[in-house]
Amino acid sequence: MHYDIVFHLDQGQDELNIALSNIANYLKALASEQFTAVLLVNGPAIKLMVKDADNCAKLTALCEQGLELRVCNNALTHFGIAPAELCPCCRIVPAGVVELVDLQRQGFAYVKP
């Protein structure tokens, strides 16, 4: 089976909370499988990726379990967020929408919480 997945977050805290729950459940359900799980963040949701204690701690814990957290450079620029302000587990990609297309072309399932 192929379990690679991309969760797409572009809204607010409620959607992030759902995504965090979905991701934790996915990682737990497939603990014995080999796969890549990505949380791709763009749009206004980028503001939730700063070193805020609650979100950053939860995101870091999921990254330690294997989640890849990718954030859109265009969104960072648009919202005036410097890379140094991000949660340390974030990896900046040039364009979130292009990253989504690339991942889906590679066979990643797409989930929008």
PDB file of N, CA and C in Angstrom:
ATOM      1  N   MET A   1       0.834  -1.198   0.000  1.00  0.00           N
ATOM      2  CA  MET A   1       0.000   0.000   0.000  1.00  0.00           C
ATOM      3  C   MET A   1       0.872   1.252   0.000  1.00  0.00           C
ATOM      4  N   HIS A   2       0.326   2.292  -0.516  1.00  0.00           N
ATOM      5  CA  HIS A   2       1.016   3.584  -0.616  1.00  0.00           C
ATOM      6  C   HIS A   2       0.295   4.579   0.293  1.00  0.00           C
ATOM      7  N   TYR A   3       0.940   5.017   1.375  1.00  0.00           N
ATOM      8  CA  TYR A   3       0.278   5.856   2.367  1.00  0.00           C
ATOM      9  C   TYR A   3       0.811   7.288   2.441  1.00  0.00           C
ATOM     10  N   ASP A   4       1.608   7.718   1.464  1.00  0.00           N
ATOM     11  CA  ASP A   4       2.093   9.101   1.482  1.00  0.00           C
ATOM     12  C   ASP A   4       0.903  10.045   1.431  1.00  0.00           C
ATOM     13  N   ILE A   5       0.986  11.120   2.242  1.00  0.00           N
ATOM     14  CA  ILE A   5      -0.162  12.019   2.392  1.00  0.00           C
ATOM     15  C   ILE A   5       0.308  13.450   2.606  1.00  0.00           C
ATOM     16  N   VAL A   6      -0.452  14.391   2.075  1.00  0.00           N
ATOM     17  CA  VAL A   6      -0.207  15.807   2.333  1.00  0.00           C
ATOM     18  C   VAL A   6      -1.480  16.408   2.915  1.00  0.00           C
ATOM     19  N   PHE A   7      -1.324  17.006   4.068  1.00  0.00           N
ATOM     20  CA  PHE A   7      -2.395  17.757   4.699  1.00  0.00           C
ATOM     21  C   PHE A   7      -2.177  19.221   4.321  1.00  0.00           C
ATOM     22  N   HIS A   8      -3.210  19.886   3.832  1.00  0.00           N
ATOM     23  CA  HIS A   8      -3.098  21.261   3.364  1.00  0.00           C
ATOM     24  C   HIS A   8      -3.818  22.196   4.329  1.00  0.00           C
ATOM     25  N   LEU A   9      -3.065  23.148   4.868  1.00  0.00           N
ATOM     26  CA  LEU A   9      -3.622  24.115   5.817  1.00  0.00           C
ATOM     27  C   LEU A   9      -3.417  25.519   5.274  1.00  0.00           C
ATOM     28  N   ASP A  10      -4.521  26.250   5.105  1.00  0.00           N
ATOM     29  CA  ASP A  10      -4.411  27.626   4.628  1.00  0.00           C
ATOM     30  C   ASP A  10      -5.354  28.577   5.365  1.00  0.00           C
ATOM     31  N   GLN A  11      -5.943  28.114   6.462  1.00  0.00           N
ATOM     32  CA  GLN A  11      -6.904  28.951   7.176  1.00  0.00           C
ATOM     33  C   GLN A  11      -6.433  29.271   8.598  1.00  0.00           C
ATOM     34  N   GLY A  12      -7.293  29.002   9.600  1.00  0.00           N
ATOM     35  CA  GLY A  12      -7.014  29.456  10.956  1.00  0.00           C
ATOM     36  C   GLY A  12      -6.786  28.361  11.982  1.00  0.00           C
ATOM     37  N   GLN A  13      -6.872  28.767  13.236  1.00  0.00           N
ATOM     38  CA  GLN A  13      -6.570  27.878  14.357  1.00  0.00           C
ATOM     39  C   GLN A  13      -7.493  26.671  14.413  1.00  0.00           C
ATOM     40  N   ASP A  14      -8.782  26.857  14.119  1.00  0.00           N
ATOM     41  CA  ASP A  14      -9.703  25.714  14.158  1.00  0.00           C
ATOM     42  C   ASP A  14      -9.275  24.635  13.174  1.00  0.00           C
ATOM     43  N   GLU A  15      -8.904  25.053  11.962  1.00  0.00           N
ATOM     44  CA  GLU A  15      -8.450  24.102  10.956  1.00  0.00           C
ATOM     45  C   GLU A  15      -7.125  23.461  11.354  1.00  0.00           C
ATOM     46  N   LEU A  16      -6.246  24.243  11.983  1.00  0.00           N
ATOM     47  CA  LEU A  16      -4.982  23.675  12.462  1.00  0.00           C
ATOM     48  C   LEU A  16      -5.250  22.614  13.526  1.00  0.00           C
ATOM     49  N   ASN A  17      -6.172  22.880  14.430  1.00  0.00           N
ATOM     50  CA  ASN A  17      -6.499  21.903  15.474  1.00  0.00           C
ATOM     51  C   ASN A  17      -6.999  20.596  14.862  1.00  0.00           C
ATOM     52  N   ILE A  18      -7.844  20.706  13.838  1.00  0.00           N
ATOM     53  CA  ILE A  18      -8.346  19.512  13.154  1.00  0.00           C
ATOM     54  C   ILE A  18      -7.184  18.786  12.479  1.00  0.00           C
ATOM     55  N   ALA A  19      -6.321  19.555  11.801  1.00  0.00           N
ATOM     56  CA  ALA A  19      -5.169  18.951  11.117  1.00  0.00           C
ATOM     57  C   ALA A  19      -4.264  18.226  12.102  1.00  0.00           C
ATOM     58  N   LEU A  20      -3.987  18.843  13.242  1.00  0.00           N
ATOM     59  CA  LEU A  20      -3.126  18.216  14.244  1.00  0.00           C
ATOM     60  C   LEU A  20      -3.710  16.890  14.718  1.00  0.00           C
ATOM     61  N   SER A  21      -5.013  16.864  14.925  1.00  0.00           N
ATOM     62  CA  SER A  21      -5.685  15.637  15.341  1.00  0.00           C
ATOM     63  C   SER A  21      -5.634  14.591  14.231  1.00  0.00           C
ATOM     64  N   ASN A  22      -5.942  15.004  12.996  1.00  0.00           N
ATOM     65  CA  ASN A  22      -5.885  14.085  11.848  1.00  0.00           C
ATOM     66  C   ASN A  22      -4.497  13.488  11.698  1.00  0.00           C
ATOM     67  N   ILE A  23      -3.473  14.335  11.794  1.00  0.00           N
ATOM     68  CA  ILE A  23      -2.091  13.880  11.614  1.00  0.00           C
ATOM     69  C   ILE A  23      -1.697  12.899  12.715  1.00  0.00           C
ATOM     70  N   ALA A  24      -2.000  13.240  13.960  1.00  0.00           N
ATOM     71  CA  ALA A  24      -1.667  12.352  15.082  1.00  0.00           C
ATOM     72  C   ALA A  24      -2.341  10.988  14.901  1.00  0.00           C
ATOM     73  N   ASN A  25      -3.614  10.992  14.503  1.00  0.00           N
ATOM     74  CA  ASN A  25      -4.343   9.745  14.297  1.00  0.00           C
ATOM     75  C   ASN A  25      -3.749   8.946  13.132  1.00  0.00           C
ATOM     76  N   TYR A  26      -3.358   9.628  12.080  1.00  0.00           N
ATOM     77  CA  TYR A  26      -2.773   8.969  10.907  1.00  0.00           C
ATOM     78  C   TYR A  26      -1.454   8.300  11.275  1.00  0.00           C
ATOM     79  N   LEU A  27      -0.591   9.052  11.958  1.00  0.00           N
ATOM     80  CA  LEU A  27       0.703   8.504  12.366  1.00  0.00           C
ATOM     81  C   LEU A  27       0.530   7.294  13.285  1.00  0.00           C
ATOM     82  N   LYS A  28      -0.432   7.387  14.191  1.00  0.00           N
ATOM     83  CA  LYS A  28      -0.680   6.290  15.128  1.00  0.00           C
ATOM     84  C   LYS A  28      -1.222   5.059  14.400  1.00  0.00           C
ATOM     85  N   ALA A  29      -2.162   5.266  13.494  1.00  0.00           N
ATOM     86  CA  ALA A  29      -2.799   4.147  12.789  1.00  0.00           C
ATOM     87  C   ALA A  29      -1.824   3.409  11.884  1.00  0.00           C
ATOM     88  N   LEU A  30      -0.817   4.115  11.392  1.00  0.00           N
ATOM     89  CA  LEU A  30       0.120   3.516  10.446  1.00  0.00           C
ATOM     90  C   LEU A  30       1.531   3.403  11.015  1.00  0.00           C
ATOM     91  N   ALA A  31       1.619   3.234  12.311  1.00  0.00           N
ATOM     92  CA  ALA A  31       2.919   3.208  12.989  1.00  0.00           C
ATOM     93  C   ALA A  31       3.878   2.156  12.417  1.00  0.00           C
ATOM     94  N   SER A  32       3.355   1.062  11.879  1.00  0.00           N
ATOM     95  CA  SER A  32       4.224   0.002  11.368  1.00  0.00           C
ATOM     96  C   SER A  32       4.484   0.129   9.859  1.00  0.00           C
ATOM     97  N   GLU A  33       3.964   1.184   9.237  1.00  0.00           N
ATOM     98  CA  GLU A  33       4.120   1.387   7.795  1.00  0.00           C
ATOM     99  C   GLU A  33       5.212   2.414   7.494  1.00  0.00           C
ATOM    100  N   GLN A  34       5.762   2.340   6.293  1.00  0.00           N
ATOM    101  CA  GLN A  34       6.721   3.326   5.806  1.00  0.00           C
ATOM    102  C   GLN A  34       5.975   4.288   4.889  1.00  0.00           C
ATOM    103  N   PHE A  35       5.992   5.576   5.204  1.00  0.00           N
ATOM    104  CA  PHE A  35       5.305   6.567   4.387  1.00  0.00           C
ATOM    105  C   PHE A  35       5.823   7.954   4.742  1.00  0.00           C
ATOM    106  N   THR A  36       5.460   8.923   3.919  1.00  0.00           N
ATOM    107  CA  THR A  36       5.798  10.316   4.189  1.00  0.00           C
ATOM    108  C   THR A  36       4.504  11.076   4.438  1.00  0.00           C
ATOM    109  N   ALA A  37       4.483  11.824   5.532  1.00  0.00           N
ATOM    110  CA  ALA A  37       3.340  12.685   5.860  1.00  0.00           C
ATOM    111  C   ALA A  37       3.842  14.127   5.887  1.00  0.00           C
ATOM    112  N   VAL A  38       3.149  14.981   5.134  1.00  0.00           N
ATOM    113  CA  VAL A  38       3.532  16.384   5.016  1.00  0.00           C
ATOM    114  C   VAL A  38       2.369  17.259   5.446  1.00  0.00           C
ATOM    115  N   LEU A  39       2.663  18.300   6.219  1.00  0.00           N
ATOM    116  CA  LEU A  39       1.705  19.373   6.466  1.00  0.00           C
ATOM    117  C   LEU A  39       2.215  20.557   5.666  1.00  0.00           C
ATOM    118  N   LEU A  40       1.465  20.938   4.633  1.00  0.00           N
ATOM    119  CA  LEU A  40       1.837  22.062   3.781  1.00  0.00           C
ATOM    120  C   LEU A  40       1.005  23.260   4.211  1.00  0.00           C
ATOM    121  N   VAL A  41       1.678  24.347   4.582  1.00  0.00           N
ATOM    122  CA  VAL A  41       1.003  25.533   5.098  1.00  0.00           C
ATOM    123  C   VAL A  41       1.240  26.710   4.165  1.00  0.00           C
ATOM    124  N   ASN A  42       0.141  27.350   3.747  1.00  0.00           N
ATOM    125  CA  ASN A  42       0.228  28.568   2.972  1.00  0.00           C
ATOM    126  C   ASN A  42      -0.927  29.488   3.365  1.00  0.00           C
ATOM    127  N   GLY A  43      -1.003  30.645   2.706  1.00  0.00           N
ATOM    128  CA  GLY A  43      -2.073  31.592   3.011  1.00  0.00           C
ATOM    129  C   GLY A  43      -1.995  32.093   4.440  1.00  0.00           C
ATOM    130  N   PRO A  44      -3.134  32.561   4.969  1.00  0.00           N
ATOM    131  CA  PRO A  44      -3.161  33.132   6.319  1.00  0.00           C
ATOM    132  C   PRO A  44      -2.703  32.181   7.424  1.00  0.00           C
ATOM    133  N   ALA A  45      -2.774  30.879   7.180  1.00  0.00           N
ATOM    134  CA  ALA A  45      -2.353  29.898   8.195  1.00  0.00           C
ATOM    135  C   ALA A  45      -0.877  30.026   8.533  1.00  0.00           C
ATOM    136  N   ILE A  46      -0.113  30.676   7.661  1.00  0.00           N
ATOM    137  CA  ILE A  46       1.323  30.843   7.927  1.00  0.00           C
ATOM    138  C   ILE A  46       1.547  31.560   9.258  1.00  0.00           C
ATOM    139  N   LYS A  47       0.602  32.409   9.649  1.00  0.00           N
ATOM    140  CA  LYS A  47       0.727  33.160  10.906  1.00  0.00           C
ATOM    141  C   LYS A  47       0.701  32.231  12.126  1.00  0.00           C
ATOM    142  N   LEU A  48       0.206  31.013  11.955  1.00  0.00           N
ATOM    143  CA  LEU A  48       0.135  30.040  13.045  1.00  0.00           C
ATOM    144  C   LEU A  48       1.433  29.253  13.211  1.00  0.00           C
ATOM    145  N   MET A  49       2.386  29.467  12.318  1.00  0.00           N
ATOM    146  CA  MET A  49       3.630  28.695  12.321  1.00  0.00           C
ATOM    147  C   MET A  49       4.775  29.396  13.054  1.00  0.00           C
ATOM    148  N   VAL A  50       4.517  30.559  13.615  1.00  0.00           N
ATOM    149  CA  VAL A  50       5.566  31.259  14.353  1.00  0.00           C
ATOM    150  C   VAL A  50       5.814  30.555  15.682  1.00  0.00           C
ATOM    151  N   LYS A  51       6.844  30.970  16.365  1.00  0.00           N
ATOM    152  CA  LYS A  51       7.287  30.291  17.587  1.00  0.00           C
ATOM    153  C   LYS A  51       6.305  30.431  18.753  1.00  0.00           C
ATOM    154  N   ASP A  52       5.023  30.413  18.449  1.00  0.00           N
ATOM    155  CA  ASP A  52       3.967  30.418  19.462  1.00  0.00           C
ATOM    156  C   ASP A  52       4.100  29.128  20.266  1.00  0.00           C
ATOM    157  N   ALA A  53       4.091  29.239  21.576  1.00  0.00           N
ATOM    158  CA  ALA A  53       4.368  28.083  22.440  1.00  0.00           C
ATOM    159  C   ALA A  53       3.462  26.884  22.163  1.00  0.00           C
ATOM    160  N   ASP A  54       2.149  27.097  22.108  1.00  0.00           N
ATOM    161  CA  ASP A  54       1.225  25.969  21.959  1.00  0.00           C
ATOM    162  C   ASP A  54       1.377  25.273  20.613  1.00  0.00           C
ATOM    163  N   ASN A  55       1.223  26.028  19.537  1.00  0.00           N
ATOM    164  CA  ASN A  55       1.309  25.408  18.210  1.00  0.00           C
ATOM    165  C   ASN A  55       2.688  24.841  17.946  1.00  0.00           C
ATOM    166  N   CYS A  56       3.710  25.571  18.270  1.00  0.00           N
ATOM    167  CA  CYS A  56       5.069  25.132  17.975  1.00  0.00           C
ATOM    168  C   CYS A  56       5.390  23.832  18.707  1.00  0.00           C
ATOM    169  N   ALA A  57       4.989  23.728  19.950  1.00  0.00           N
ATOM    170  CA  ALA A  57       5.255  22.512  20.724  1.00  0.00           C
ATOM    171  C   ALA A  57       4.526  21.307  20.121  1.00  0.00           C
ATOM    172  N   LYS A  58       3.271  21.497  19.734  1.00  0.00           N
ATOM    173  CA  LYS A  58       2.493  20.402  19.138  1.00  0.00           C
ATOM    174  C   LYS A  58       3.065  20.003  17.787  1.00  0.00           C
ATOM    175  N   LEU A  59       3.421  20.996  16.980  1.00  0.00           N
ATOM    176  CA  LEU A  59       3.993  20.719  15.667  1.00  0.00           C
ATOM    177  C   LEU A  59       5.337  20.005  15.794  1.00  0.00           C
ATOM    178  N   THR A  60       6.159  20.462  16.718  1.00  0.00           N
ATOM    179  CA  THR A  60       7.466  19.843  16.932  1.00  0.00           C
ATOM    180  C   THR A  60       7.304  18.386  17.350  1.00  0.00           C
ATOM    181  N   ALA A  61       6.357  18.106  18.222  1.00  0.00           N
ATOM    182  CA  ALA A  61       6.118  16.728  18.662  1.00  0.00           C
ATOM    183  C   ALA A  61       5.731  15.835  17.484  1.00  0.00           C
ATOM    184  N   LEU A  62       4.887  16.344  16.587  1.00  0.00           N
ATOM    185  CA  LEU A  62       4.494  15.563  15.415  1.00  0.00           C
ATOM    186  C   LEU A  62       5.668  15.396  14.450  1.00  0.00           C
ATOM    187  N   CYS A  63       6.479  16.436  14.322  1.00  0.00           N
ATOM    188  CA  CYS A  63       7.663  16.328  13.457  1.00  0.00           C
ATOM    189  C   CYS A  63       8.640  15.288  13.998  1.00  0.00           C
ATOM    190  N   GLU A  64       8.730  15.182  15.305  1.00  0.00           N
ATOM    191  CA  GLU A  64       9.596  14.178  15.918  1.00  0.00           C
ATOM    192  C   GLU A  64       9.092  12.765  15.647  1.00  0.00           C
ATOM    193  N   GLN A  65       7.791  12.646  15.314  1.00  0.00           N
ATOM    194  CA  GLN A  65       7.203  11.348  14.970  1.00  0.00           C
ATOM    195  C   GLN A  65       7.265  11.082  13.468  1.00  0.00           C
ATOM    196  N   GLY A  66       7.803  12.046  12.705  1.00  0.00           N
ATOM    197  CA  GLY A  66       7.980  11.821  11.282  1.00  0.00           C
ATOM    198  C   GLY A  66       7.288  12.798  10.348  1.00  0.00           C
ATOM    199  N   LEU A  67       6.459  13.690  10.872  1.00  0.00           N
ATOM    200  CA  LEU A  67       5.782  14.680  10.023  1.00  0.00           C
ATOM    201  C   LEU A  67       6.796  15.640   9.413  1.00  0.00           C
ATOM    202  N   GLU A  68       6.606  15.987   8.147  1.00  0.00           N
ATOM    203  CA  GLU A  68       7.389  17.034   7.507  1.00  0.00           C
ATOM    204  C   GLU A  68       6.508  18.274   7.433  1.00  0.00           C
ATOM    205  N   LEU A  69       6.986  19.370   7.978  1.00  0.00           N
ATOM    206  CA  LEU A  69       6.231  20.629   8.003  1.00  0.00           C
ATOM    207  C   LEU A  69       6.839  21.570   6.973  1.00  0.00           C
ATOM    208  N   ARG A  70       6.091  21.834   5.909  1.00  0.00           N
ATOM    209  CA  ARG A  70       6.570  22.691   4.822  1.00  0.00           C
ATOM    210  C   ARG A  70       5.711  23.941   4.757  1.00  0.00           C
ATOM    211  N   VAL A  71       6.366  25.080   4.677  1.00  0.00           N
ATOM    212  CA  VAL A  71       5.650  26.354   4.660  1.00  0.00           C
ATOM    213  C   VAL A  71       6.019  27.156   3.414  1.00  0.00           C
ATOM    214  N   CYS A  72       5.070  27.928   2.942  1.00  0.00           N
ATOM    215  CA  CYS A  72       5.186  28.673   1.700  1.00  0.00           C
ATOM    216  C   CYS A  72       5.944  29.987   1.879  1.00  0.00           C
ATOM    217  N   ASN A  73       7.013  30.157   1.112  1.00  0.00           N
ATOM    218  CA  ASN A  73       7.778  31.402   1.159  1.00  0.00           C
ATOM    219  C   ASN A  73       6.937  32.594   0.689  1.00  0.00           C
ATOM    220  N   ASN A  74       6.071  32.382  -0.293  1.00  0.00           N
ATOM    221  CA  ASN A  74       5.217  33.479  -0.758  1.00  0.00           C
ATOM    222  C   ASN A  74       4.325  33.991   0.370  1.00  0.00           C
ATOM    223  N   ALA A  75       3.788  33.076   1.174  1.00  0.00           N
ATOM    224  CA  ALA A  75       2.947  33.473   2.301  1.00  0.00           C
ATOM    225  C   ALA A  75       3.769  34.210   3.361  1.00  0.00           C
ATOM    226  N   LEU A  76       4.983  33.724   3.613  1.00  0.00           N
ATOM    227  CA  LEU A  76       5.855  34.424   4.571  1.00  0.00           C
ATOM    228  C   LEU A  76       6.070  35.865   4.136  1.00  0.00           C
ATOM    229  N   THR A  77       6.379  36.043   2.863  1.00  0.00           N
ATOM    230  CA  THR A  77       6.613  37.383   2.328  1.00  0.00           C
ATOM    231  C   THR A  77       5.350  38.235   2.423  1.00  0.00           C
ATOM    232  N   HIS A  78       4.225  37.664   2.005  1.00  0.00           N
ATOM    233  CA  HIS A  78       2.958  38.396   2.010  1.00  0.00           C
ATOM    234  C   HIS A  78       2.572  38.884   3.404  1.00  0.00           C
ATOM    235  N   PHE A  79       2.789  38.046   4.405  1.00  0.00           N
ATOM    236  CA  PHE A  79       2.394  38.394   5.772  1.00  0.00           C
ATOM    237  C   PHE A  79       3.535  38.990   6.593  1.00  0.00           C
ATOM    238  N   GLY A  80       4.672  39.227   5.972  1.00  0.00           N
ATOM    239  CA  GLY A  80       5.792  39.892   6.641  1.00  0.00           C
ATOM    240  C   GLY A  80       6.400  39.091   7.776  1.00  0.00           C
ATOM    241  N   ILE A  81       6.493  37.791   7.601  1.00  0.00           N
ATOM    242  CA  ILE A  81       7.065  36.918   8.631  1.00  0.00           C
ATOM    243  C   ILE A  81       8.467  36.508   8.199  1.00  0.00           C
ATOM    244  N   ALA A  82       9.431  36.764   9.049  1.00  0.00           N
ATOM    245  CA  ALA A  82      10.819  36.391   8.765  1.00  0.00           C
ATOM    246  C   ALA A  82      11.020  34.909   9.074  1.00  0.00           C
ATOM    247  N   PRO A  83      11.858  34.225   8.300  1.00  0.00           N
ATOM    248  CA  PRO A  83      12.122  32.810   8.578  1.00  0.00           C
ATOM    249  C   PRO A  83      12.563  32.543  10.025  1.00  0.00           C
ATOM    250  N   ALA A  84      13.291  33.467  10.615  1.00  0.00           N
ATOM    251  CA  ALA A  84      13.754  33.289  12.000  1.00  0.00           C
ATOM    252  C   ALA A  84      12.604  33.261  13.000  1.00  0.00           C
ATOM    253  N   GLU A  85      11.436  33.752  12.620  1.00  0.00           N
ATOM    254  CA  GLU A  85      10.271  33.765  13.508  1.00  0.00           C
ATOM    255  C   GLU A  85       9.522  32.432  13.517  1.00  0.00           C
ATOM    256  N   LEU A  86       9.860  31.538  12.596  1.00  0.00           N
ATOM    257  CA  LEU A  86       9.128  30.281  12.447  1.00  0.00           C
ATOM    258  C   LEU A  86       9.508  29.252  13.507  1.00  0.00           C
ATOM    259  N   CYS A  87       8.577  28.374  13.759  1.00  0.00           N
ATOM    260  CA  CYS A  87       8.849  27.188  14.562  1.00  0.00           C
ATOM    261  C   CYS A  87      10.024  26.470  13.883  1.00  0.00           C
ATOM    262  N   PRO A  88      11.013  26.026  14.643  1.00  0.00           N
ATOM    263  CA  PRO A  88      12.234  25.454  14.053  1.00  0.00           C
ATOM    264  C   PRO A  88      12.019  24.256  13.140  1.00  0.00           C
ATOM    265  N   CYS A  89      10.926  23.535  13.276  1.00  0.00           N
ATOM    266  CA  CYS A  89      10.734  22.345  12.436  1.00  0.00           C
ATOM    267  C   CYS A  89      10.166  22.681  11.060  1.00  0.00           C
ATOM    268  N   CYS A  90       9.903  23.947  10.788  1.00  0.00           N
ATOM    269  CA  CYS A  90       9.382  24.352   9.472  1.00  0.00           C
ATOM    270  C   CYS A  90      10.471  24.307   8.413  1.00  0.00           C
ATOM    271  N   ARG A  91      10.103  23.833   7.230  1.00  0.00           N
ATOM    272  CA  ARG A  91      10.989  23.893   6.073  1.00  0.00           C
ATOM    273  C   ARG A  91      10.305  24.772   5.031  1.00  0.00           C
ATOM    274  N   ILE A  92      10.984  25.787   4.583  1.00  0.00           N
ATOM    275  CA  ILE A  92      10.400  26.735   3.635  1.00  0.00           C
ATOM    276  C   ILE A  92      10.501  26.183   2.219  1.00  0.00           C
ATOM    277  N   VAL A  93       9.375  26.229   1.495  1.00  0.00           N
ATOM    278  CA  VAL A  93       9.344  25.878   0.080  1.00  0.00           C
ATOM    279  C   VAL A  93       8.994  27.145  -0.699  1.00  0.00           C
ATOM    280  N   PRO A  94       9.451  27.262  -1.940  1.00  0.00           N
ATOM    281  CA  PRO A  94       9.234  28.510  -2.687  1.00  0.00           C
ATOM    282  C   PRO A  94       7.769  28.901  -2.858  1.00  0.00           C
ATOM    283  N   ALA A  95       6.920  27.942  -3.219  1.00  0.00           N
ATOM    284  CA  ALA A  95       5.504  28.234  -3.473  1.00  0.00           C
ATOM    285  C   ALA A  95       4.655  27.056  -3.008  1.00  0.00           C
ATOM    286  N   GLY A  96       3.781  27.300  -2.065  1.00  0.00           N
ATOM    287  CA  GLY A  96       2.963  26.232  -1.505  1.00  0.00           C
ATOM    288  C   GLY A  96       2.095  25.527  -2.523  1.00  0.00           C
ATOM    289  N   VAL A  97       1.482  26.271  -3.422  1.00  0.00           N
ATOM    290  CA  VAL A  97       0.598  25.673  -4.417  1.00  0.00           C
ATOM    291  C   VAL A  97       1.384  24.751  -5.347  1.00  0.00           C
ATOM    292  N   VAL A  98       2.572  25.168  -5.745  1.00  0.00           N
ATOM    293  CA  VAL A  98       3.413  24.328  -6.598  1.00  0.00           C
ATOM    294  C   VAL A  98       3.826  23.064  -5.838  1.00  0.00           C
ATOM    295  N   GLU A  99       4.142  23.212  -4.568  1.00  0.00           N
ATOM    296  CA  GLU A  99       4.506  22.053  -3.736  1.00  0.00           C
ATOM    297  C   GLU A  99       3.352  21.052  -3.676  1.00  0.00           C
ATOM    298  N   LEU A 100       2.121  21.553  -3.530  1.00  0.00           N
ATOM    299  CA  LEU A 100       0.952  20.672  -3.507  1.00  0.00           C
ATOM    300  C   LEU A 100       0.817  19.897  -4.811  1.00  0.00           C
ATOM    301  N   VAL A 101       0.985  20.573  -5.925  1.00  0.00           N
ATOM    302  CA  VAL A 101       0.897  19.915  -7.225  1.00  0.00           C
ATOM    303  C   VAL A 101       1.991  18.854  -7.350  1.00  0.00           C
ATOM    304  N   ASP A 102       3.215  19.219  -6.965  1.00  0.00           N
ATOM    305  CA  ASP A 102       4.331  18.269  -7.047  1.00  0.00           C
ATOM    306  C   ASP A 102       4.055  17.014  -6.219  1.00  0.00           C
ATOM    307  N   LEU A 103       3.584  17.207  -4.990  1.00  0.00           N
ATOM    308  CA  LEU A 103       3.320  16.070  -4.117  1.00  0.00           C
ATOM    309  C   LEU A 103       2.207  15.191  -4.678  1.00  0.00           C
ATOM    310  N   GLN A 104       1.162  15.809  -5.193  1.00  0.00           N
ATOM    311  CA  GLN A 104       0.070  15.013  -5.756  1.00  0.00           C
ATOM    312  C   GLN A 104       0.525  14.254  -7.000  1.00  0.00           C
ATOM    313  N   ARG A 105       1.387  14.839  -7.785  1.00  0.00           N
ATOM    314  CA  ARG A 105       1.931  14.139  -8.954  1.00  0.00           C
ATOM    315  C   ARG A 105       2.800  12.958  -8.537  1.00  0.00           C
ATOM    316  N   GLN A 106       3.378  13.042  -7.337  1.00  0.00           N
ATOM    317  CA  GLN A 106       4.182  11.937  -6.813  1.00  0.00           C
ATOM    318  C   GLN A 106       3.320  10.860  -6.164  1.00  0.00           C
ATOM    319  N   GLY A 107       2.002  11.063  -6.150  1.00  0.00           N
ATOM    320  CA  GLY A 107       1.100  10.061  -5.611  1.00  0.00           C
ATOM    321  C   GLY A 107       0.625  10.305  -4.197  1.00  0.00           C
ATOM    322  N   PHE A 108       0.950  11.458  -3.623  1.00  0.00           N
ATOM    323  CA  PHE A 108       0.481  11.769  -2.278  1.00  0.00           C
ATOM    324  C   PHE A 108      -1.032  11.976  -2.277  1.00  0.00           C
ATOM    325  N   ALA A 109      -1.698  11.402  -1.286  1.00  0.00           N
ATOM    326  CA  ALA A 109      -3.114  11.681  -1.079  1.00  0.00           C
ATOM    327  C   ALA A 109      -3.230  13.092  -0.510  1.00  0.00           C
ATOM    328  N   TYR A 110      -4.299  13.786  -0.886  1.00  0.00           N
ATOM    329  CA  TYR A 110      -4.513  15.180  -0.460  1.00  0.00           C
ATOM    330  C   TYR A 110      -5.656  15.226   0.545  1.00  0.00           C
ATOM    331  N   VAL A 111      -5.395  15.859   1.699  1.00  0.00           N
ATOM    332  CA  VAL A 111      -6.424  16.027   2.728  1.00  0.00           C
ATOM    333  C   VAL A 111      -6.427  17.485   3.140  1.00  0.00           C
ATOM    334  N   LYS A 112      -7.610  18.067   3.158  1.00  0.00           N
ATOM    335  CA  LYS A 112      -7.770  19.457   3.600  1.00  0.00           C
ATOM    336  C   LYS A 112      -8.686  19.456   4.820  1.00  0.00           C
ATOM    337  N   PRO A 113      -8.089  19.511   6.009  1.00  0.00           N
ATOM    338  CA  PRO A 113      -8.915  19.492   7.233  1.00  0.00           C
ATOM    339  C   PRO A 113      -9.776  20.746   7.348  1.00  0.00           C
TER     340      PRO A 113
END
